[in-house]
Protein backbone atom coordinates (compact mmCIF):
# COMPACT_ATOMS: atom_id res chain seq x y z
CA UNK A 1 31.68 -11.69 -19.28
CA UNK A 2 30.01 -15.07 -19.60
CA UNK A 3 27.35 -15.77 -17.00
CA UNK A 4 24.77 -18.48 -16.25
CA UNK A 5 21.29 -17.19 -15.53
CA UNK A 6 19.72 -18.44 -12.30
CA UNK A 7 16.30 -16.81 -12.87
CA UNK A 8 14.51 -15.55 -15.98
CA UNK A 9 15.70 -12.11 -17.09
CA UNK A 10 13.73 -10.06 -19.62
CA UNK A 11 15.46 -9.65 -22.99
CA UNK A 12 18.31 -11.89 -21.86
CA UNK A 13 17.19 -15.49 -21.32
CA UNK A 14 15.81 -18.25 -19.15
CA UNK A 15 17.41 -20.08 -16.21
CA UNK A 16 20.38 -22.18 -17.27
CA UNK A 17 21.20 -20.09 -20.34
CA UNK A 18 24.85 -19.13 -20.75
CA UNK A 19 24.99 -15.57 -22.07
CA UNK A 20 27.68 -12.98 -22.70
CA UNK A 21 26.98 -9.57 -21.13
CA UNK A 22 28.93 -6.44 -20.28
CA UNK A 23 31.17 -6.80 -17.23
CA UNK A 24 29.51 -3.93 -15.35
CA UNK A 25 25.98 -5.23 -16.00
CA UNK A 26 26.91 -8.64 -14.61
CA UNK A 27 28.99 -7.37 -11.70
CA UNK A 28 26.68 -4.53 -10.59
CA UNK A 29 23.19 -5.82 -11.40
CA UNK A 30 22.81 -9.52 -12.20
CA UNK A 31 25.15 -11.18 -9.69
CA UNK A 32 24.25 -9.08 -6.59
CA UNK A 33 20.53 -9.71 -7.14
CA UNK A 34 21.04 -13.46 -7.49
CA UNK A 35 19.90 -13.49 -11.12
CA UNK A 36 23.16 -14.96 -12.44
CA UNK A 37 26.49 -16.51 -11.54
CA UNK A 38 29.83 -16.37 -13.30
CA UNK A 39 30.31 -19.13 -15.84
CA UNK A 40 33.30 -21.39 -15.26
CA UNK A 41 34.22 -24.97 -16.12
CA UNK A 42 32.33 -26.66 -13.28
CA UNK A 43 29.15 -24.66 -13.84
CA UNK A 44 28.13 -26.53 -17.02
CA UNK A 45 26.37 -29.28 -15.04
CA UNK A 46 24.57 -26.68 -12.95
CA UNK A 47 23.40 -24.91 -16.11
CA UNK A 48 21.98 -28.16 -17.50
CA UNK A 49 20.10 -28.91 -14.28
CA UNK A 50 18.68 -25.37 -14.23
CA UNK A 51 17.47 -25.76 -17.81
CA UNK A 52 15.83 -29.11 -17.03
CA UNK A 53 14.10 -27.72 -13.93
CA UNK A 54 12.90 -24.69 -15.87
CA UNK A 55 11.48 -26.80 -18.70
CA UNK A 56 9.65 -29.06 -16.21
CA UNK A 57 8.20 -26.03 -14.43
CA UNK A 58 7.09 -24.44 -17.72
CA UNK A 59 5.43 -27.65 -18.93
CA UNK A 60 3.50 -27.99 -15.64
CA UNK A 61 2.33 -24.37 -15.91
CA UNK A 62 1.27 -24.92 -19.50
CA UNK A 63 -0.92 -27.88 -18.52
CA UNK A 64 -2.49 -25.88 -15.68
CA UNK A 65 -3.18 -22.90 -17.95
CA UNK A 66 -4.70 -25.11 -20.65
CA UNK A 67 -7.05 -26.64 -18.05
CA UNK A 68 -8.03 -23.17 -16.86
CA UNK A 69 -8.66 -22.04 -20.44
CA UNK A 70 -10.86 -25.08 -21.06
CA UNK A 71 -12.89 -24.37 -17.92
CA UNK A 72 -13.35 -20.73 -18.91
CA UNK A 73 -14.36 -21.67 -22.46
CA UNK A 74 -16.90 -24.23 -21.25
CA UNK A 75 -18.42 -21.81 -18.72
CA UNK A 76 -19.91 -19.71 -21.52
CA UNK A 77 -19.71 -15.98 -22.08
CA UNK A 78 -18.16 -13.81 -19.41
CA UNK A 79 -20.01 -10.62 -18.57
CA UNK A 80 -18.20 -7.63 -17.11
CA UNK A 81 -20.36 -4.73 -16.02
CA UNK A 82 -18.90 -1.26 -16.05
CA UNK A 83 -20.22 2.26 -15.78
CA UNK A 84 -20.02 4.38 -18.88
CA UNK A 85 -20.39 8.05 -19.39
């Protein structure tokens, strides 16, 4: 069964990806949990918009994480104290 992913699914894809999965997996797991919808002719535009939104969200997160990494790197060494023995 061809489906369009609504949310990221491990080992399957990102939102907007059109993937082919077993009927039971789609019908019993992905669709009821809102992770995917059935792919049909009118869903192509929806898949494109999901992909665009996902790429925008990922690029924003990447910028935020790079800023955080720069702040951590400029702060100097990080010391974590722990008991040993």
